[in-house]
C-alpha atoms as a PDB file:
ATOM      1  CA  MET A   1      82.998-105.545  45.085  1.00  0.00           C
ATOM      2  CA  ARG A   2      79.853-104.585  46.992  1.00  0.00           C
ATOM      3  CA  ARG A   3      81.723-102.046  48.929  1.00  0.00           C
ATOM      4  CA  ILE A   4      83.146-100.495  45.699  1.00  0.00           C
ATOM      5  CA  GLN A   5      79.635-100.580  44.170  1.00  0.00           C
ATOM      6  CA  PHE A   6      78.169 -98.760  47.252  1.00  0.00           C
ATOM      7  CA  TRP A   7      80.829 -95.947  47.239  1.00  0.00           C
ATOM      8  CA  LEU A   8      80.487 -95.546  43.371  1.00  0.00           C
ATOM      9  CA  GLY A   9      76.758 -95.043  43.880  1.00  0.00           C
ATOM     10  CA  ILE A  10      77.365 -92.482  46.614  1.00  0.00           C
ATOM     11  CA  PHE A  11      79.873 -90.689  44.289  1.00  0.00           C
ATOM     12  CA  ILE A  12      77.347 -90.681  41.347  1.00  0.00           C
ATOM     13  CA  SER A  13      74.578 -89.355  43.501  1.00  0.00           C
ATOM     14  CA  LEU A  14      76.702 -86.648  44.918  1.00  0.00           C
ATOM     15  CA  LEU A  15      77.795 -85.658  41.368  1.00  0.00           C
ATOM     16  CA  PHE A  16      74.240 -85.548  39.970  1.00  0.00           C
ATOM     17  CA  MET A  17      72.928 -83.581  43.056  1.00  0.00           C
ATOM     18  CA  GLY A  18      75.800 -81.200  42.755  1.00  0.00           C
ATOM     19  CA  ILE A  19      75.069 -80.588  39.063  1.00  0.00           C
ATOM     20  CA  ALA A  20      71.353 -80.098  39.871  1.00  0.00           C
ATOM     21  CA  LEU A  21      71.767 -77.764  42.834  1.00  0.00           C
ATOM     22  CA  ARG A  22      74.431 -75.629  41.212  1.00  0.00           C
ATOM     23  CA  ARG A  23      71.800 -74.268  38.736  1.00  0.00           C
ATOM     24  CA  LEU A  24      68.989 -73.787  41.412  1.00  0.00           C
ATOM     25  CA  GLU A  25      68.229 -70.874  43.708  1.00  0.00           C
ATOM     26  CA  LEU A  26      67.400 -72.690  46.822  1.00  0.00           C
ATOM     27  CA  ALA A  27      65.400 -69.825  48.388  1.00  0.00           C
ATOM     28  CA  GLU A  28      63.047 -70.012  45.409  1.00  0.00           C
ATOM     29  CA  VAL A  29      62.875 -73.842  45.554  1.00  0.00           C
ATOM     30  CA  TRP A  30      61.891 -73.627  49.113  1.00  0.00           C
ATOM     31  CA  HIS A  31      59.239 -70.954  48.411  1.00  0.00           C
ATOM     32  CA  ALA A  32      57.712 -73.162  45.732  1.00  0.00           C
ATOM     33  CA  MET A  33      57.634 -76.135  48.129  1.00  0.00           C
ATOM     34  CA  ARG A  34      56.249 -74.085  50.981  1.00  0.00           C
ATOM     35  CA  THR A  35      53.370 -72.735  49.003  1.00  0.00           C
ATOM     36  CA  ALA A  36      52.498 -75.962  47.238  1.00  0.00           C
ATOM     37  CA  ARG A  37      48.995 -77.415  47.401  1.00  0.00           C
ATOM     38  CA  TYR A  38      49.909 -80.806  48.983  1.00  0.00           C
ATOM     39  CA  PHE A  39      46.421 -82.226  49.025  1.00  0.00           C
ATOM     40  CA  TRP A  40      46.988 -83.083  45.361  1.00  0.00           C
ATOM     41  CA  ILE A  41      49.365 -85.693  46.419  1.00  0.00           C
ATOM     42  CA  LEU A  42      46.532 -87.795  48.047  1.00  0.00           C
ATOM     43  CA  PRO A  43      44.860 -88.839  44.720  1.00  0.00           C
ATOM     44  CA  GLY A  44      48.323 -89.369  43.391  1.00  0.00           C
ATOM     45  CA  VAL A  45      49.224 -91.888  46.119  1.00  0.00           C
ATOM     46  CA  VAL A  46      45.863 -93.739  45.407  1.00  0.00           C
ATOM     47  CA  VAL A  47      46.664 -94.152  41.751  1.00  0.00           C
ATOM     48  CA  TYR A  48      50.229 -95.119  42.624  1.00  0.00           C
ATOM     49  CA  PHE A  49      49.081 -97.972  44.719  1.00  0.00           C
ATOM     50  CA  PHE A  50      46.710 -99.156  41.965  1.00  0.00           C
ATOM     51  CA  GLY A  51      49.934 -99.439  39.969  1.00  0.00           C
ATOM     52  CA  VAL A  52      51.659-101.440  42.877  1.00  0.00           C
ATOM     53  CA  TRP A  53      48.536-103.781  42.756  1.00  0.00           C
ATOM     54  CA  ALA A  54      48.966-104.108  39.014  1.00  0.00           C
ATOM     55  CA  ARG A  55      52.674-104.933  39.585  1.00  0.00           C
ATOM     56  CA  THR A  56      51.528-107.633  42.083  1.00  0.00           C
ATOM     57  CA  TRP A  57      49.233-109.122  39.446  1.00  0.00           C
ATOM     58  CA  ARG A  58      52.002-109.066  36.912  1.00  0.00           C
ATOM     59  CA  TRP A  59      54.318-110.951  39.233  1.00  0.00           C
ATOM     60  CA  HIS A  60      51.468-113.377  40.085  1.00  0.00           C
ATOM     61  CA  TYR A  61      51.168-114.079  36.424  1.00  0.00           C
ATOM     62  CA  LEU A  62      54.916-114.694  36.033  1.00  0.00           C
ATOM     63  CA  LEU A  63      54.996-117.061  39.082  1.00  0.00           C
ATOM     64  CA  ARG A  64      52.135-119.285  37.806  1.00  0.00           C
ATOM     65  CA  PRO A  65      54.445-121.997  36.329  1.00  0.00           C
ATOM     66  CA  MET A  66      55.956-122.482  39.836  1.00  0.00           C
ATOM     67  CA  ARG A  67      52.866-121.871  42.111  1.00  0.00           C
ATOM     68  CA  THR A  68      49.818-119.807  42.141  1.00  0.00           C
ATOM     69  CA  VAL A  69      50.185-117.322  44.929  1.00  0.00           C
ATOM     70  CA  PRO A  70      46.986-115.354  45.765  1.00  0.00           C
ATOM     71  CA  LEU A  71      47.382-111.573  45.275  1.00  0.00           C
ATOM     72  CA  PRO A  72      46.574-110.641  48.912  1.00  0.00           C
ATOM     73  CA  ARG A  73      49.487-112.877  50.015  1.00  0.00           C
ATOM     74  CA  LEU A  74      51.800-111.573  47.280  1.00  0.00           C
ATOM     75  CA  PHE A  75      51.042-107.796  47.684  1.00  0.00           C
ATOM     76  CA  PRO A  76      52.923-107.512  51.028  1.00  0.00           C
ATOM     77  CA  VAL A  77      55.968-109.244  49.469  1.00  0.00           C
ATOM     78  CA  VAL A  78      56.038-106.773  46.579  1.00  0.00           C
ATOM     79  CA  CYS A  79      55.767-103.801  49.129  1.00  0.00           C
ATOM     80  CA  ILE A  80      58.625-105.194  51.149  1.00  0.00           C
ATOM     81  CA  GLY A  81      60.738-105.528  48.071  1.00  0.00           C
ATOM     82  CA  TYR A  82      60.057-101.994  46.843  1.00  0.00           C
ATOM     83  CA  MET A  83      60.850-100.788  50.365  1.00  0.00           C
ATOM     84  CA  GLY A  84      64.197-102.630  50.036  1.00  0.00           C
ATOM     85  CA  ASN A  85      64.851-100.948  46.680  1.00  0.00           C
ATOM     86  CA  ASN A  86      64.397 -97.643  48.476  1.00  0.00           C
ATOM     87  CA  ILE A  87      66.711 -98.117  51.420  1.00  0.00           C
ATOM     88  CA  TYR A  88      69.339-100.441  50.043  1.00  0.00           C
ATOM     89  CA  PRO A  89      71.784 -99.741  47.070  1.00  0.00           C
ATOM     90  CA  ALA A  90      71.904-101.645  43.826  1.00  0.00           C
ATOM     91  CA  ARG A  91      68.127-102.490  43.682  1.00  0.00           C
ATOM     92  CA  ALA A  92      68.728-105.065  46.462  1.00  0.00           C
ATOM     93  CA  GLY A  93      64.974-105.040  47.096  1.00  0.00           C
ATOM     94  CA  GLU A  94      64.610-107.516  44.169  1.00  0.00           C
ATOM     95  CA  VAL A  95      66.619-110.109  45.931  1.00  0.00           C
ATOM     96  CA  ILE A  96      64.856-109.174  49.232  1.00  0.00           C
ATOM     97  CA  ARG A  97      61.444-109.982  47.772  1.00  0.00           C
ATOM     98  CA  SER A  98      62.593-113.151  46.305  1.00  0.00           C
ATOM     99  CA  TYR A  99      64.018-114.059  49.792  1.00  0.00           C
ATOM    100  CA  VAL A 100      60.770-113.187  51.472  1.00  0.00           C
ATOM    101  CA  LEU A 101      58.754-115.168  48.786  1.00  0.00           C
ATOM    102  CA  ARG A 102      60.937-118.158  49.470  1.00  0.00           C
ATOM    103  CA  ARG A 103      60.343-117.811  53.120  1.00  0.00           C
ATOM    104  CA  ARG A 104      56.536-117.471  52.816  1.00  0.00           C
ATOM    105  CA  GLU A 105      55.730-119.695  49.793  1.00  0.00           C
ATOM    106  CA  GLY A 106      58.792-121.963  49.441  1.00  0.00           C
ATOM    107  CA  ILE A 107      59.401-120.792  45.817  1.00  0.00           C
ATOM    108  CA  SER A 108      63.075-120.961  44.781  1.00  0.00           C
ATOM    109  CA  MET A 109      64.904-117.665  44.811  1.00  0.00           C
ATOM    110  CA  SER A 110      66.683-118.466  41.521  1.00  0.00           C
ATOM    111  CA  ALA A 111      63.178-118.981  39.826  1.00  0.00           C
ATOM    112  CA  SER A 112      61.683-115.983  41.230  1.00  0.00           C
ATOM    113  CA  LEU A 113      64.708-113.781  40.533  1.00  0.00           C
ATOM    114  CA  ALA A 114      64.290-114.879  36.853  1.00  0.00           C
ATOM    115  CA  THR A 115      60.690-113.486  36.885  1.00  0.00           C
ATOM    116  CA  VAL A 116      61.973-110.206  38.452  1.00  0.00           C
ATOM    117  CA  LEU A 117      64.597-109.785  35.717  1.00  0.00           C
ATOM    118  CA  VAL A 118      61.691-110.387  33.155  1.00  0.00           C
ATOM    119  CA  GLU A 119      59.797-107.557  34.981  1.00  0.00           C
ATOM    120  CA  ARG A 120      62.683-105.183  34.766  1.00  0.00           C
ATOM    121  CA  ILE A 121      63.127-105.925  31.025  1.00  0.00           C
ATOM    122  CA  PHE A 122      59.461-105.084  30.282  1.00  0.00           C
ATOM    123  CA  ASP A 123      59.652-102.016  32.528  1.00  0.00           C
ATOM    124  CA  GLY A 124      62.613-100.801  30.518  1.00  0.00           C
ATOM    125  CA  LEU A 125      60.866-101.390  27.259  1.00  0.00           C
ATOM    126  CA  VAL A 126      57.799 -99.485  28.306  1.00  0.00           C
ATOM    127  CA  MET A 127      60.061 -96.592  29.475  1.00  0.00           C
ATOM    128  CA  LEU A 128      61.554 -96.575  25.967  1.00  0.00           C
ATOM    129  CA  VAL A 129      58.086 -96.456  24.472  1.00  0.00           C
ATOM    130  CA  PHE A 130      57.182 -93.449  26.649  1.00  0.00           C
ATOM    131  CA  VAL A 131      60.347 -91.744  25.529  1.00  0.00           C
ATOM    132  CA  PHE A 132      59.728 -92.513  21.858  1.00  0.00           C
ATOM    133  CA  ILE A 133      56.070 -91.246  22.060  1.00  0.00           C
ATOM    134  CA  ALA A 134      57.269 -87.898  23.426  1.00  0.00           C
ATOM    135  CA  LEU A 135      60.446 -87.306  21.213  1.00  0.00           C
ATOM    136  CA  PRO A 136      58.687 -86.090  18.117  1.00  0.00           C
ATOM    137  CA  PHE A 137      57.440 -83.047  20.242  1.00  0.00           C
ATOM    138  CA  THR A 138      60.915 -82.099  21.555  1.00  0.00           C
ATOM    139  CA  PRO A 139      64.486 -81.871  20.455  1.00  0.00           C
ATOM    140  CA  MET A 140      66.622 -84.627  21.864  1.00  0.00           C
ATOM    141  CA  PRO A 141      69.530 -83.263  24.011  1.00  0.00           C
ATOM    142  CA  GLY A 142      72.769 -85.137  23.597  1.00  0.00           C
ATOM    143  CA  TRP A 143      72.646 -86.663  27.079  1.00  0.00           C
ATOM    144  CA  LEU A 144      69.072 -88.031  26.468  1.00  0.00           C
ATOM    145  CA  ARG A 145      70.195 -89.477  23.069  1.00  0.00           C
ATOM    146  CA  GLN A 146      72.924 -91.455  24.833  1.00  0.00           C
ATOM    147  CA  ILE A 147      70.549 -92.802  27.439  1.00  0.00           C
ATOM    148  CA  VAL A 148      68.027 -93.755  24.728  1.00  0.00           C
ATOM    149  CA  ILE A 149      70.654 -95.567  22.640  1.00  0.00           C
ATOM    150  CA  LEU A 150      72.319 -97.297  25.639  1.00  0.00           C
ATOM    151  CA  SER A 151      69.040 -98.399  27.153  1.00  0.00           C
ATOM    152  CA  SER A 152      67.611 -99.632  23.843  1.00  0.00           C
ATOM    153  CA  LEU A 153      70.659-101.901  23.277  1.00  0.00           C
ATOM    154  CA  LEU A 154      70.450-103.084  26.926  1.00  0.00           C
ATOM    155  CA  PHE A 155      66.726-103.898  27.171  1.00  0.00           C
ATOM    156  CA  PHE A 156      66.121-105.181  23.628  1.00  0.00           C
ATOM    157  CA  GLY A 157      69.295-107.232  23.882  1.00  0.00           C
ATOM    158  CA  ALA A 158      68.309-108.743  27.141  1.00  0.00           C
ATOM    159  CA  LEU A 159      64.784-109.536  25.840  1.00  0.00           C
ATOM    160  CA  LEU A 160      66.216-111.396  22.899  1.00  0.00           C
ATOM    161  CA  VAL A 161      68.505-113.413  25.134  1.00  0.00           C
ATOM    162  CA  PHE A 162      65.732-114.251  27.562  1.00  0.00           C
ATOM    163  CA  LEU A 163      63.378-115.246  24.763  1.00  0.00           C
ATOM    164  CA  ALA A 164      66.060-117.539  23.350  1.00  0.00           C
ATOM    165  CA  LEU A 165      66.600-119.069  26.827  1.00  0.00           C
ATOM    166  CA  ALA A 166      62.919-119.602  27.372  1.00  0.00           C
ATOM    167  CA  ALA A 167      62.255-121.011  23.922  1.00  0.00           C
ATOM    168  CA  ARG A 168      64.946-123.866  24.168  1.00  0.00           C
ATOM    169  CA  PRO A 169      65.570-124.787  27.852  1.00  0.00           C
ATOM    170  CA  GLN A 170      66.630-128.317  26.890  1.00  0.00           C
ATOM    171  CA  ARG A 171      69.146-126.932  24.518  1.00  0.00           C
ATOM    172  CA  VAL A 172      70.417-124.589  27.174  1.00  0.00           C
ATOM    173  CA  ARG A 173      70.843-127.416  29.703  1.00  0.00           C
ATOM    174  CA  LEU A 174      72.666-129.525  27.089  1.00  0.00           C
ATOM    175  CA  ILE A 175      75.069-126.700  26.433  1.00  0.00           C
ATOM    176  CA  TYR A 176      75.562-126.274  30.214  1.00  0.00           C
ATOM    177  CA  ASP A 177      76.256-129.950  30.708  1.00  0.00           C
ATOM    178  CA  ARG A 178      78.922-129.931  27.998  1.00  0.00           C
ATOM    179  CA  LEU A 179      80.563-126.803  29.447  1.00  0.00           C
ATOM    180  CA  ALA A 180      80.305-127.871  32.981  1.00  0.00           C
ATOM    181  CA  ALA A 181      82.038-131.175  32.195  1.00  0.00           C
ATOM    182  CA  ARG A 182      85.030-129.120  31.241  1.00  0.00           C
ATOM    183  CA  LEU A 183      84.970-126.048  33.442  1.00  0.00           C
ATOM    184  CA  VAL A 184      82.975-126.752  36.558  1.00  0.00           C
ATOM    185  CA  PRO A 185      84.346-129.005  39.422  1.00  0.00           C
ATOM    186  CA  GLU A 186      82.230-132.134  39.652  1.00  0.00           C
ATOM    187  CA  ARG A 187      80.827-131.502  43.150  1.00  0.00           C
ATOM    188  CA  PHE A 188      79.417-128.155  41.980  1.00  0.00           C
ATOM    189  CA  ARG A 189      77.860-129.423  38.692  1.00  0.00           C
ATOM    190  CA  GLY A 190      74.588-130.685  40.292  1.00  0.00           C
ATOM    191  CA  PRO A 191      73.838-127.688  42.435  1.00  0.00           C
ATOM    192  CA  VAL A 192      74.759-125.153  39.687  1.00  0.00           C
ATOM    193  CA  GLY A 193      72.741-127.159  37.143  1.00  0.00           C
ATOM    194  CA  GLY A 194      69.724-127.257  39.508  1.00  0.00           C
ATOM    195  CA  LEU A 195      70.037-123.408  39.918  1.00  0.00           C
ATOM    196  CA  LEU A 196      70.028-123.149  36.109  1.00  0.00           C
ATOM    197  CA  ASP A 197      66.903-125.239  35.809  1.00  0.00           C
ATOM    198  CA  ARG A 198      65.035-123.288  38.359  1.00  0.00           C
ATOM    199  CA  PHE A 199      65.997-119.988  36.553  1.00  0.00           C
ATOM    200  CA  LEU A 200      64.803-121.328  33.322  1.00  0.00           C
ATOM    201  CA  ILE A 201      61.435-122.316  34.960  1.00  0.00           C
ATOM    202  CA  GLY A 202      61.094-118.688  35.999  1.00  0.00           C
ATOM    203  CA  LEU A 203      61.329-117.731  32.289  1.00  0.00           C
ATOM    204  CA  SER A 204      58.436-120.010  31.334  1.00  0.00           C
ATOM    205  CA  SER A 205      56.027-117.145  30.714  1.00  0.00           C
ATOM    206  CA  LEU A 206      58.163-115.980  27.777  1.00  0.00           C
ATOM    207  CA  ARG A 207      57.388-119.119  25.801  1.00  0.00           C
ATOM    208  CA  SER A 208      53.967-117.868  24.851  1.00  0.00           C
ATOM    209  CA  GLY A 209      53.295-114.868  22.534  1.00  0.00           C
ATOM    210  CA  ARG A 210      50.044-114.262  24.455  1.00  0.00           C
ATOM    211  CA  ASP A 211      51.881-114.132  27.758  1.00  0.00           C
ATOM    212  CA  VAL A 212      54.526-111.781  26.473  1.00  0.00           C
ATOM    213  CA  LEU A 213      51.783-109.463  25.064  1.00  0.00           C
ATOM    214  CA  MET A 214      49.918-109.707  28.516  1.00  0.00           C
ATOM    215  CA  LEU A 215      53.070-108.718  30.242  1.00  0.00           C
ATOM    216  CA  PHE A 216      53.854-105.825  27.937  1.00  0.00           C
ATOM    217  CA  TRP A 217      50.287-104.281  28.282  1.00  0.00           C
ATOM    218  CA  THR A 218      50.286-104.859  32.044  1.00  0.00           C
ATOM    219  CA  SER A 219      53.549-102.916  32.122  1.00  0.00           C
ATOM    220  CA  VAL A 220      51.993-100.191  30.143  1.00  0.00           C
ATOM    221  CA  VAL A 221      49.138 -99.889  32.722  1.00  0.00           C
ATOM    222  CA  ILE A 222      51.643 -99.966  35.607  1.00  0.00           C
ATOM    223  CA  TRP A 223      53.686 -96.988  34.135  1.00  0.00           C
ATOM    224  CA  LEU A 224      50.692 -95.001  33.009  1.00  0.00           C
ATOM    225  CA  ALA A 225      49.352 -95.151  36.560  1.00  0.00           C
ATOM    226  CA  GLU A 226      52.691 -93.812  37.887  1.00  0.00           C
ATOM    227  CA  THR A 227      52.625 -91.094  35.260  1.00  0.00           C
ATOM    228  CA  VAL A 228      49.048 -90.042  36.432  1.00  0.00           C
ATOM    229  CA  LYS A 229      50.726 -89.590  39.852  1.00  0.00           C
ATOM    230  CA  TYR A 230      53.183 -87.298  38.223  1.00  0.00           C
ATOM    231  CA  TRP A 231      50.195 -85.344  36.739  1.00  0.00           C
ATOM    232  CA  PHE A 232      48.353 -85.153  40.097  1.00  0.00           C
ATOM    233  CA  VAL A 233      51.531 -83.823  41.940  1.00  0.00           C
ATOM    234  CA  MET A 234      52.055 -81.234  39.086  1.00  0.00           C
ATOM    235  CA  HIS A 235      48.744 -79.668  40.046  1.00  0.00           C
ATOM    236  CA  ALA A 236      50.241 -78.898  43.482  1.00  0.00           C
ATOM    237  CA  PHE A 237      52.527 -76.440  41.745  1.00  0.00           C
ATOM    238  CA  ASP A 238      52.069 -73.352  39.491  1.00  0.00           C
ATOM    239  CA  PHE A 239      52.938 -74.917  36.086  1.00  0.00           C
ATOM    240  CA  THR A 240      51.314 -77.173  33.514  1.00  0.00           C
ATOM    241  CA  VAL A 241      52.906 -79.371  30.804  1.00  0.00           C
ATOM    242  CA  PRO A 242      51.187 -81.755  28.437  1.00  0.00           C
ATOM    243  CA  PHE A 243      50.808 -85.427  29.666  1.00  0.00           C
ATOM    244  CA  TYR A 244      53.305 -86.700  27.081  1.00  0.00           C
ATOM    245  CA  VAL A 245      56.003 -84.505  28.785  1.00  0.00           C
ATOM    246  CA  LEU A 246      55.292 -86.340  32.084  1.00  0.00           C
ATOM    247  CA  MET A 247      55.554 -89.611  30.278  1.00  0.00           C
ATOM    248  CA  LEU A 248      58.876 -88.491  28.892  1.00  0.00           C
ATOM    249  CA  MET A 249      60.070 -87.554  32.327  1.00  0.00           C
ATOM    250  CA  ASN A 250      58.916 -90.699  33.832  1.00  0.00           C
ATOM    251  CA  GLY A 251      60.599 -92.729  31.061  1.00  0.00           C
ATOM    252  CA  VAL A 252      63.905 -90.821  31.374  1.00  0.00           C
ATOM    253  CA  VAL A 253      64.200 -90.626  35.204  1.00  0.00           C
ATOM    254  CA  ASN A 254      63.479 -94.398  35.451  1.00  0.00           C
ATOM    255  CA  LEU A 255      66.023 -95.273  32.773  1.00  0.00           C
ATOM    256  CA  ALA A 256      68.470 -93.041  34.664  1.00  0.00           C
ATOM    257  CA  THR A 257      67.855 -94.838  37.970  1.00  0.00           C
ATOM    258  CA  THR A 258      69.427 -97.899  36.393  1.00  0.00           C
ATOM    259  CA  ILE A 259      72.702 -96.019  36.967  1.00  0.00           C
ATOM    260  CA  PRO A 260      74.410 -96.996  40.286  1.00  0.00           C
ATOM    261  CA  ALA A 261      73.342 -94.443  42.938  1.00  0.00           C
ATOM    262  CA  ALA A 262      72.926 -93.994  46.633  1.00  0.00           C
ATOM    263  CA  PRO A 263      69.773 -95.718  48.113  1.00  0.00           C
ATOM    264  CA  GLY A 264      66.551 -94.133  47.036  1.00  0.00           C
ATOM    265  CA  TYR A 265      67.894 -93.029  43.553  1.00  0.00           C
ATOM    266  CA  VAL A 266      69.290 -89.770  45.058  1.00  0.00           C
ATOM    267  CA  GLY A 267      70.294 -87.572  42.081  1.00  0.00           C
ATOM    268  CA  THR A 268      69.827 -89.942  39.284  1.00  0.00           C
ATOM    269  CA  PHE A 269      66.014 -89.301  39.628  1.00  0.00           C
ATOM    270  CA  ASP A 270      66.311 -85.597  40.360  1.00  0.00           C
ATOM    271  CA  LEU A 271      68.662 -84.225  37.759  1.00  0.00           C
ATOM    272  CA  PRO A 272      67.048 -85.734  34.668  1.00  0.00           C
ATOM    273  CA  GLY A 273      63.527 -84.715  36.006  1.00  0.00           C
ATOM    274  CA  ILE A 274      64.567 -81.129  36.356  1.00  0.00           C
ATOM    275  CA  GLU A 275      66.358 -81.097  32.922  1.00  0.00           C
ATOM    276  CA  ILE A 276      63.198 -82.503  31.217  1.00  0.00           C
ATOM    277  CA  LEU A 277      60.852 -79.964  32.703  1.00  0.00           C
ATOM    278  CA  ALA A 278      63.300 -77.083  31.982  1.00  0.00           C
ATOM    279  CA  THR A 279      63.467 -78.140  28.332  1.00  0.00           C
ATOM    280  CA  PHE A 280      59.682 -77.468  28.213  1.00  0.00           C
ATOM    281  CA  GLY A 281      59.908 -74.141  29.735  1.00  0.00           C
ATOM    282  CA  VAL A 282      59.237 -74.787  33.387  1.00  0.00           C
ATOM    283  CA  PRO A 283      61.365 -72.459  35.519  1.00  0.00           C
ATOM    284  CA  ARG A 284      64.251 -74.437  36.858  1.00  0.00           C
ATOM    285  CA  ASP A 285      63.594 -73.639  40.455  1.00  0.00           C
ATOM    286  CA  LEU A 286      59.894 -74.567  40.172  1.00  0.00           C
ATOM    287  CA  ALA A 287      61.094 -77.815  38.381  1.00  0.00           C
ATOM    288  CA  GLY A 288      63.450 -78.478  41.271  1.00  0.00           C
ATOM    289  CA  ALA A 289      60.757 -78.065  43.865  1.00  0.00           C
ATOM    290  CA  TYR A 290      58.285 -80.343  41.975  1.00  0.00           C
ATOM    291  CA  THR A 291      60.888 -82.996  41.344  1.00  0.00           C
ATOM    292  CA  ALA A 292      61.970 -83.041  45.074  1.00  0.00           C
ATOM    293  CA  VAL A 293      58.363 -83.332  46.314  1.00  0.00           C
ATOM    294  CA  LEU A 294      57.477 -85.996  43.601  1.00  0.00           C
ATOM    295  CA  HIS A 295      60.506 -88.000  44.610  1.00  0.00           C
ATOM    296  CA  VAL A 296      59.439 -87.981  48.255  1.00  0.00           C
ATOM    297  CA  ALA A 297      55.821 -88.791  47.342  1.00  0.00           C
ATOM    298  CA  LEU A 298      57.090 -91.858  45.355  1.00  0.00           C
ATOM    299  CA  TRP A 299      59.600 -92.951  47.919  1.00  0.00           C
ATOM    300  CA  LEU A 300      57.719 -92.513  51.311  1.00  0.00           C
ATOM    301  CA  PRO A 301      54.364 -94.298  51.006  1.00  0.00           C
ATOM    302  CA  ILE A 302      55.647 -97.604  49.579  1.00  0.00           C
ATOM    303  CA  THR A 303      58.584 -97.541  52.097  1.00  0.00           C
ATOM    304  CA  LEU A 304      56.241 -97.072  55.051  1.00  0.00           C
ATOM    305  CA  LEU A 305      53.952 -99.682  53.862  1.00  0.00           C
ATOM    306  CA  GLY A 306      56.813-102.077  53.173  1.00  0.00           C
ATOM    307  CA  ALA A 307      58.124-101.419  56.763  1.00  0.00           C
ATOM    308  CA  PHE A 308      54.636-102.211  58.153  1.00  0.00           C
ATOM    309  CA  TYR A 309      54.458-105.484  56.300  1.00  0.00           C
ATOM    310  CA  MET A 310      57.997-106.286  57.342  1.00  0.00           C
ATOM    311  CA  TRP A 311      56.977-105.762  61.047  1.00  0.00           C
ATOM    312  CA  ARG A 312      53.749-107.891  60.488  1.00  0.00           C
ATOM    313  CA  GLU A 313      55.811-110.697  58.952  1.00  0.00           C
ATOM    314  CA  GLN A 314      58.209-110.532  61.953  1.00  0.00           C
ATOM    315  CA  LEU A 315      61.120-109.985  59.638  1.00  0.00           C
ATOM    316  CA  ARG A 316      64.287-108.543  61.125  1.00  0.00           C
ATOM    317  CA  TRP A 317      66.558-105.884  59.463  1.00  0.00           C
ATOM    318  CA  ALA A 318      69.440-108.445  59.820  1.00  0.00           C
ATOM    319  CA  ASP A 319      67.332-110.825  57.660  1.00  0.00           C
ATOM    320  CA  LEU A 320      66.869-108.334  54.916  1.00  0.00           C
ATOM    321  CA  GLY A 321      70.411-107.062  55.117  1.00  0.00           C
ATOM    322  CA  ARG A 322      71.689-110.628  54.718  1.00  0.00           C
ATOM    323  CA  ALA A 323      69.376-111.197  51.758  1.00  0.00           C
ATOM    324  CA  ALA A 324      70.417-107.890  50.226  1.00  0.00           C
ATOM    325  CA  ARG A 325      74.013-108.925  50.455  1.00  0.00           C
ATOM    326  CA  GLY A 326      73.182-112.158  48.644  1.00  0.00           C
ATOM    327  CA  GLY A 327      73.846-114.411  51.621  1.00  0.00           C
ATOM    328  CA  ASP A 328      70.541-116.278  51.366  1.00  0.00           C
ATOM    329  CA  ALA A 329      70.963-116.905  47.672  1.00  0.00           C
ATOM    330  CA  ALA A 330      73.934-118.973  48.381  1.00  0.00           C
ATOM    331  CA  VAL A 331      71.812-121.520  50.163  1.00  0.00           C
ATOM    332  CA  GLU A 332      70.384-122.711  46.858  1.00  0.00           C
ATOM    333  CA  THR A 333      73.804-123.290  45.323  1.00  0.00           C
ATOM    334  CA  ALA A 334      75.488-124.927  48.376  1.00  0.00           C
ATOM    335  CA  PRO A 335      76.530-128.500  47.592  1.00  0.00           C
END
């Protein structure tokens, strides 16, 4: 299954990149990249890492029901996880950071993965908010309409399910016990039930309306910081668009990166970004150069920092690869 998922991601990335490149004059793209004012990337990187620190605080907030992990200890784990997202397919970095957290802090992977899923839901909701803010100022192409409709169903549906699970954990466990008595072999009922219990603990922050609002507004701050990086990198090139266009671009490209793709979101980031800018009158070749540079500027700093923390933690690539394949997650469910 993982092999199929990997090759499907490669195919989708090649398809997206093929569509993007077919409409670009590569000589013009290279000229725009060669003449860009790259010093604008530096303040963008600073703002981006402020956003990473805010992500760390949000995860710290979600982990409180299990253990209070100081932010300086949690920040390297977040960086390693985002590095994993950039170099492994299928957002395997989320499993990797849960593995590293268990190794460093002893927190159950199933519980921490529940908090990661909560993060992803709030990220998706904020991306939809960004899209909805910008849509009154632009016609909605058919492909964008489909992304918005499907994403809305996915993220709002997932939020409702998670809220229901968090609100009635005892009821969920009772339903599991009844189903397990009929469907799960006896020797697996205890381990799987324990896995479910730890997962429900990871959803504890969704039981409070105050916590839900806190998570939402923290997610807004995180993604506004990333959009400010888009704005700084824009100044390296000879075009200007309103900030809400960059919010729209940020929302659409990050919703598109939920589609299976090659590691680093090749293609699924680039094609939607170019199309959004072209819709607002940016020359396509210039939009292609900007999107390529922005993609690298988002990918490279966090990947390098994550690799540094991985070296400092004395982690091996084999450890991360095994975690990415789910090998360590099996430890928690073993009878």
